Amino acid sequence: MTSFVSSFVVHRNGRPATVEELAPLAFAGHAHLTAMQVRGGRIRGLDLHLERLRSASTELFGRALPDDRVRSHLRAALASGPADLSLTAVVYSPAGEYTATGTDAEPETLVRTGPPAFGPVGPLTLAVVEHERFLPTVKHVGESAKTYFLRRAVEDGFDDAAFVDHRGRIGEATIWNLAFWDGSAVVWPDAAVLDGVTMGIVRRQLDRLGVPQRVREITLADLPDVAGAVVMNSWTPGVAVHRIGSVPLPKAPAFVDLLHRAYRAERPTAP
């Protein structure tokens, strides 16, 4: 039986990382990442993870690593651990931060594995916070606001927090995408959010299942008309939400089951 400790691996550019290599990175914050759950050595939505890393590298560094190289770094980390685990791939520039130059430096990778995660059981209550993420389409590191608002929400008796923008639109939660059910279709919030990989998986599989989907603005005033709500991320395709702010939301087990069924329909692949 695989021990808990053996799940942890840290690789830099496809090789075990040394303390000397990790020391400067421990104090750096100009980087982006993608997080995934690996089961049986395979990953759902691998193409979406690679696309996320490519686009974010281009945005932050002006260039991106070839997919084949990123995949080789993922394979190296997976080969050192059990078949089921969590994996986070971070891409950074060796030029560092707080400098005006560095676009000529090729990005590097830092891959970490750990025990598999499954997310909370739910249902959850979400506090409402006015907050807009910097570079919302990039999953970048160092977002202290997420942890800050999560902890403030828990102190106030909630499980987590949902964000609304300056226009009053509900967009996402701290580390989650939000999805709603209107009784006949899945509704995705129209706001500046990070499109999650799990969200992308669910959306394309719902298309294949013929399930209607809509994108529209959702405000707090719209919540009484919602027939169900969930949060989703790399841990899970759906955890029920039964209250946002002071507004209770109906139970929608069929909606949650639908999202999980769509996620399971995605064929996992090896990197």
Protein backbone atom coordinates (compact mmCIF):
# COMPACT_ATOMS: atom_id res chain seq x y z
CA MET A 1 0.00 0.00 0.00
CA THR A 2 1.37 3.41 -1.00
CA SER A 3 2.23 5.62 1.94
CA PHE A 4 0.91 9.16 2.33
CA VAL A 5 4.38 10.70 2.15
CA SER A 6 5.26 9.01 -1.15
CA SER A 7 2.56 11.06 -2.89
CA PHE A 8 4.69 14.20 -2.60
CA VAL A 9 7.07 14.94 -5.46
CA VAL A 10 8.57 18.27 -6.55
CA HIS A 11 10.20 18.49 -9.96
CA ARG A 12 11.83 21.40 -11.76
CA ASN A 13 11.96 21.08 -15.53
CA GLY A 14 11.30 17.35 -15.39
CA ARG A 15 13.85 16.44 -12.70
CA PRO A 16 13.71 16.24 -8.90
CA ALA A 17 14.19 19.76 -7.55
CA THR A 18 17.04 20.57 -5.19
CA VAL A 19 16.90 22.86 -2.19
CA GLU A 20 19.21 25.28 -4.01
CA GLU A 21 16.77 25.45 -6.94
CA LEU A 22 13.70 25.86 -4.76
CA ALA A 23 15.09 28.47 -2.35
CA PRO A 24 14.78 31.50 -4.68
CA LEU A 25 11.39 30.32 -5.96
CA ALA A 26 10.01 30.21 -2.43
CA PHE A 27 10.22 34.00 -2.37
CA ALA A 28 8.96 34.64 -5.91
CA GLY A 29 5.42 35.39 -7.03
CA HIS A 30 5.37 36.10 -10.77
CA ALA A 31 4.07 32.79 -12.08
CA HIS A 32 0.94 30.97 -13.17
CA LEU A 33 -0.35 27.46 -12.68
CA THR A 34 -2.88 24.77 -13.40
CA ALA A 35 -4.11 22.16 -10.93
CA MET A 36 -5.52 18.75 -11.71
CA GLN A 37 -6.59 15.44 -10.25
CA VAL A 38 -4.86 12.36 -11.62
CA ARG A 39 -6.59 9.00 -11.46
CA GLY A 40 -4.97 5.83 -12.70
CA GLY A 41 -2.16 7.93 -14.15
CA ARG A 42 -4.62 9.76 -16.42
CA ILE A 43 -5.98 13.29 -16.54
CA ARG A 44 -9.33 14.63 -17.70
CA GLY A 45 -9.17 17.74 -19.86
CA LEU A 46 -5.41 17.55 -20.46
CA ASP A 47 -5.81 19.61 -23.64
CA LEU A 48 -7.51 22.35 -21.61
CA HIS A 49 -4.72 22.36 -19.04
CA LEU A 50 -2.11 22.71 -21.78
CA GLU A 51 -4.08 25.47 -23.45
CA ARG A 52 -4.32 27.31 -20.11
CA LEU A 53 -0.56 27.12 -19.59
CA ARG A 54 0.16 28.28 -23.15
CA SER A 55 -2.11 31.30 -23.04
CA ALA A 56 -1.05 32.36 -19.55
CA SER A 57 2.65 32.08 -20.43
CA THR A 58 2.10 34.21 -23.50
CA GLU A 59 0.26 36.80 -21.39
CA LEU A 60 2.83 36.93 -18.57
CA PHE A 61 6.10 36.11 -20.31
CA GLY A 62 5.54 36.78 -24.00
CA ARG A 63 6.33 33.17 -24.92
CA ALA A 64 5.25 29.63 -24.01
CA LEU A 65 6.84 26.21 -23.70
CA PRO A 66 5.97 23.56 -26.31
CA ASP A 67 3.17 21.23 -25.20
CA ASP A 68 5.40 18.19 -25.68
CA ARG A 69 7.92 19.52 -23.17
CA VAL A 70 5.24 20.32 -20.60
CA ARG A 71 3.78 16.83 -21.05
CA SER A 72 7.19 15.26 -20.52
CA HIS A 73 7.55 17.17 -17.25
CA LEU A 74 4.14 15.95 -16.13
CA ARG A 75 5.04 12.36 -17.02
CA ALA A 76 8.28 12.56 -15.05
CA ALA A 77 6.45 13.69 -11.91
CA LEU A 78 3.72 11.08 -12.29
CA ALA A 79 6.28 8.32 -12.72
CA SER A 80 7.62 9.10 -9.24
CA GLY A 81 4.32 8.73 -7.39
CA PRO A 82 1.18 6.59 -7.06
CA ALA A 83 -1.45 6.35 -9.79
CA ASP A 84 -3.96 8.56 -7.94
CA LEU A 85 -2.82 12.00 -6.82
CA SER A 86 -3.19 15.76 -7.06
CA LEU A 87 -0.84 17.62 -9.37
CA THR A 88 -0.02 21.31 -9.68
CA ALA A 89 2.06 22.59 -12.58
CA VAL A 90 3.56 26.05 -12.14
CA VAL A 91 5.23 27.98 -14.95
CA TYR A 92 7.59 30.84 -14.15
CA SER A 93 10.32 32.88 -15.82
CA PRO A 94 13.94 32.51 -14.66
CA ALA A 95 14.27 36.26 -15.29
CA GLY A 96 12.42 36.72 -12.03
CA GLU A 97 10.11 39.60 -11.12
CA TYR A 98 10.31 43.35 -10.60
CA THR A 99 12.42 43.69 -13.75
CA ALA A 100 11.60 45.44 -17.01
CA THR A 101 13.26 42.75 -19.13
CA GLY A 102 12.93 38.99 -19.38
CA THR A 103 10.75 38.20 -22.39
CA ASP A 104 13.77 36.57 -24.02
CA ALA A 105 14.06 34.05 -21.16
CA GLU A 106 12.40 30.70 -21.76
CA PRO A 107 9.82 29.79 -19.11
CA GLU A 108 10.49 26.91 -16.72
CA THR A 109 8.21 24.49 -14.89
CA LEU A 110 7.77 23.45 -11.29
CA VAL A 111 5.55 20.41 -10.81
CA ARG A 112 4.28 19.27 -7.43
CA THR A 113 2.25 16.19 -6.60
CA GLY A 114 0.37 15.26 -3.44
CA PRO A 115 -2.43 13.04 -2.16
CA PRO A 116 -5.65 12.98 -4.22
CA ALA A 117 -8.35 15.47 -3.27
CA PHE A 118 -12.13 15.24 -3.60
CA GLY A 119 -13.52 18.51 -2.26
CA PRO A 120 -16.17 19.15 0.39
CA VAL A 121 -19.45 17.23 0.50
CA GLY A 122 -21.65 20.32 0.81
CA PRO A 123 -24.09 21.88 0.60
CA LEU A 124 -22.23 25.15 1.08
CA THR A 125 -23.12 28.67 2.13
CA LEU A 126 -21.32 31.52 0.39
CA ALA A 127 -20.78 35.01 1.73
CA VAL A 128 -20.99 37.82 -0.82
CA VAL A 129 -17.89 39.96 -1.33
CA GLU A 130 -17.29 42.75 -3.81
CA HIS A 131 -14.00 41.79 -5.41
CA GLU A 132 -12.51 41.66 -8.91
CA ARG A 133 -9.39 39.62 -9.58
CA PHE A 134 -6.36 41.10 -11.36
CA LEU A 135 -5.92 39.41 -14.76
CA PRO A 136 -9.03 37.29 -14.17
CA THR A 137 -8.41 34.99 -17.15
CA VAL A 138 -5.00 33.91 -15.76
CA LYS A 139 -4.65 31.42 -12.90
CA HIS A 140 -1.70 33.22 -11.32
CA VAL A 141 -0.03 32.64 -7.98
CA GLY A 142 0.01 34.90 -4.95
CA GLU A 143 -3.69 35.74 -4.75
CA SER A 144 -3.87 36.49 -1.05
CA ALA A 145 -7.36 37.98 -1.46
CA LYS A 146 -8.82 34.51 -1.99
CA THR A 147 -7.56 33.20 1.34
CA TYR A 148 -8.40 36.47 3.07
CA PHE A 149 -12.02 36.45 1.94
CA LEU A 150 -12.39 32.72 2.58
CA ARG A 151 -11.30 33.15 6.19
CA ARG A 152 -13.44 36.23 6.69
CA ALA A 153 -16.43 34.28 5.34
CA VAL A 154 -15.82 31.41 7.75
CA GLU A 155 -15.53 33.86 10.64
CA ASP A 156 -18.93 35.20 9.63
CA GLY A 157 -20.51 31.75 9.67
CA PHE A 158 -20.26 30.86 5.97
CA ASP A 159 -18.33 28.07 4.26
CA ASP A 160 -16.74 30.23 1.55
CA ALA A 161 -17.21 33.44 -0.42
CA ALA A 162 -18.65 34.41 -3.81
CA PHE A 163 -17.44 37.49 -5.65
CA VAL A 164 -19.54 40.24 -7.21
CA ASP A 165 -18.03 42.94 -9.41
CA HIS A 166 -18.56 46.71 -9.38
CA ARG A 167 -21.62 46.22 -11.60
CA GLY A 168 -23.18 43.81 -9.11
CA ARG A 169 -22.64 40.73 -11.27
CA ILE A 170 -21.93 37.42 -9.54
CA GLY A 171 -18.88 35.87 -11.18
CA GLU A 172 -16.99 33.20 -9.28
CA ALA A 173 -16.09 32.05 -5.79
CA THR A 174 -12.66 32.07 -4.13
CA ILE A 175 -11.23 28.95 -5.79
CA TRP A 176 -14.36 27.88 -7.62
CA ASN A 177 -16.39 28.48 -10.73
CA LEU A 178 -20.11 28.95 -10.17
CA ALA A 179 -22.89 27.32 -12.20
CA PHE A 180 -26.63 27.79 -11.86
CA TRP A 181 -29.74 25.87 -12.93
CA ASP A 182 -32.82 27.68 -14.19
CA GLY A 183 -35.03 24.60 -14.37
CA SER A 184 -34.22 23.73 -17.98
CA ALA A 185 -30.67 24.88 -18.70
CA VAL A 186 -27.27 25.29 -17.06
CA VAL A 187 -26.50 28.99 -16.62
CA TRP A 188 -22.92 30.28 -16.53
CA PRO A 189 -22.36 33.76 -15.06
CA ASP A 190 -21.52 36.48 -17.56
CA ALA A 191 -18.63 38.25 -15.81
CA ALA A 192 -14.84 38.47 -15.90
CA VAL A 193 -13.89 35.08 -14.44
CA LEU A 194 -11.26 32.41 -14.80
CA ASP A 195 -12.64 29.70 -17.04
CA GLY A 196 -11.82 26.56 -15.08
CA VAL A 197 -10.69 23.36 -16.73
CA THR A 198 -13.46 21.40 -14.99
CA MET A 199 -15.88 24.03 -16.24
CA GLY A 200 -14.56 23.51 -19.77
CA ILE A 201 -14.90 19.74 -19.47
CA VAL A 202 -18.47 19.99 -18.21
CA ARG A 203 -19.49 22.49 -20.87
CA ARG A 204 -18.32 20.41 -23.81
CA GLN A 205 -19.78 17.22 -22.39
CA LEU A 206 -23.12 18.93 -21.73
CA ASP A 207 -23.08 19.95 -25.40
CA ARG A 208 -22.57 16.31 -26.37
CA LEU A 209 -25.39 15.26 -24.06
CA GLY A 210 -27.68 17.85 -25.63
CA VAL A 211 -28.20 19.78 -22.39
CA PRO A 212 -29.08 23.47 -22.95
CA GLN A 213 -26.58 26.02 -21.64
CA ARG A 214 -26.79 29.79 -21.37
CA VAL A 215 -24.43 32.60 -20.40
CA ARG A 216 -26.06 35.59 -18.76
CA GLU A 217 -25.53 38.17 -16.08
CA ILE A 218 -26.64 37.05 -12.63
CA THR A 219 -27.06 39.49 -9.75
CA LEU A 220 -28.16 39.04 -6.17
CA ALA A 221 -31.63 40.15 -7.26
CA ASP A 222 -31.80 37.21 -9.68
CA LEU A 223 -31.07 34.56 -7.05
CA PRO A 224 -34.67 34.01 -5.88
CA ASP A 225 -35.47 32.74 -9.39
CA VAL A 226 -32.56 30.26 -9.47
CA ALA A 227 -33.50 26.58 -9.31
CA GLY A 228 -30.10 25.39 -8.09
CA ALA A 229 -26.43 26.35 -7.80
CA VAL A 230 -23.05 24.64 -7.47
CA VAL A 231 -19.37 25.40 -7.20
CA MET A 232 -16.81 23.41 -9.17
CA ASN A 233 -13.05 23.19 -9.54
CA SER A 234 -10.37 20.57 -10.12
CA TRP A 235 -11.56 18.67 -7.04
CA THR A 236 -15.13 18.14 -8.20
CA PRO A 237 -17.57 19.00 -11.00
CA GLY A 238 -20.23 20.10 -8.56
CA VAL A 239 -20.85 20.81 -4.88
CA ALA A 240 -24.32 22.09 -4.06
CA VAL A 241 -24.74 25.65 -2.76
CA HIS A 242 -27.83 26.24 -0.66
CA ARG A 243 -27.33 29.90 0.28
CA ILE A 244 -25.55 32.91 -1.22
CA GLY A 245 -25.51 35.83 1.16
CA SER A 246 -28.95 35.91 2.76
CA VAL A 247 -30.71 34.23 -0.18
CA PRO A 248 -31.57 30.52 0.26
CA LEU A 249 -31.33 28.34 -2.82
CA PRO A 250 -33.38 25.21 -3.51
CA LYS A 251 -31.91 21.75 -3.39
CA ALA A 252 -31.20 20.46 -6.88
CA PRO A 253 -29.78 16.93 -6.63
CA ALA A 254 -30.64 16.19 -10.26
CA PHE A 255 -28.60 19.23 -11.34
CA VAL A 256 -25.59 18.11 -9.30
CA ASP A 257 -25.92 14.57 -10.68
CA LEU A 258 -26.09 15.94 -14.24
CA LEU A 259 -22.81 17.82 -13.83
CA HIS A 260 -21.08 14.77 -12.36
CA ARG A 261 -22.40 12.62 -15.19
CA ALA A 262 -21.09 15.09 -17.76
CA TYR A 263 -17.68 15.12 -16.08
CA ARG A 264 -17.47 11.34 -16.01
CA ALA A 265 -18.24 11.27 -19.73
CA GLU A 266 -14.88 12.94 -20.41
CA ARG A 267 -12.30 10.31 -21.28
CA PRO A 268 -9.11 10.78 -19.23
CA THR A 269 -5.80 10.61 -21.08
CA ALA A 270 -2.17 10.03 -20.18
CA PRO A 271 0.18 13.01 -20.54
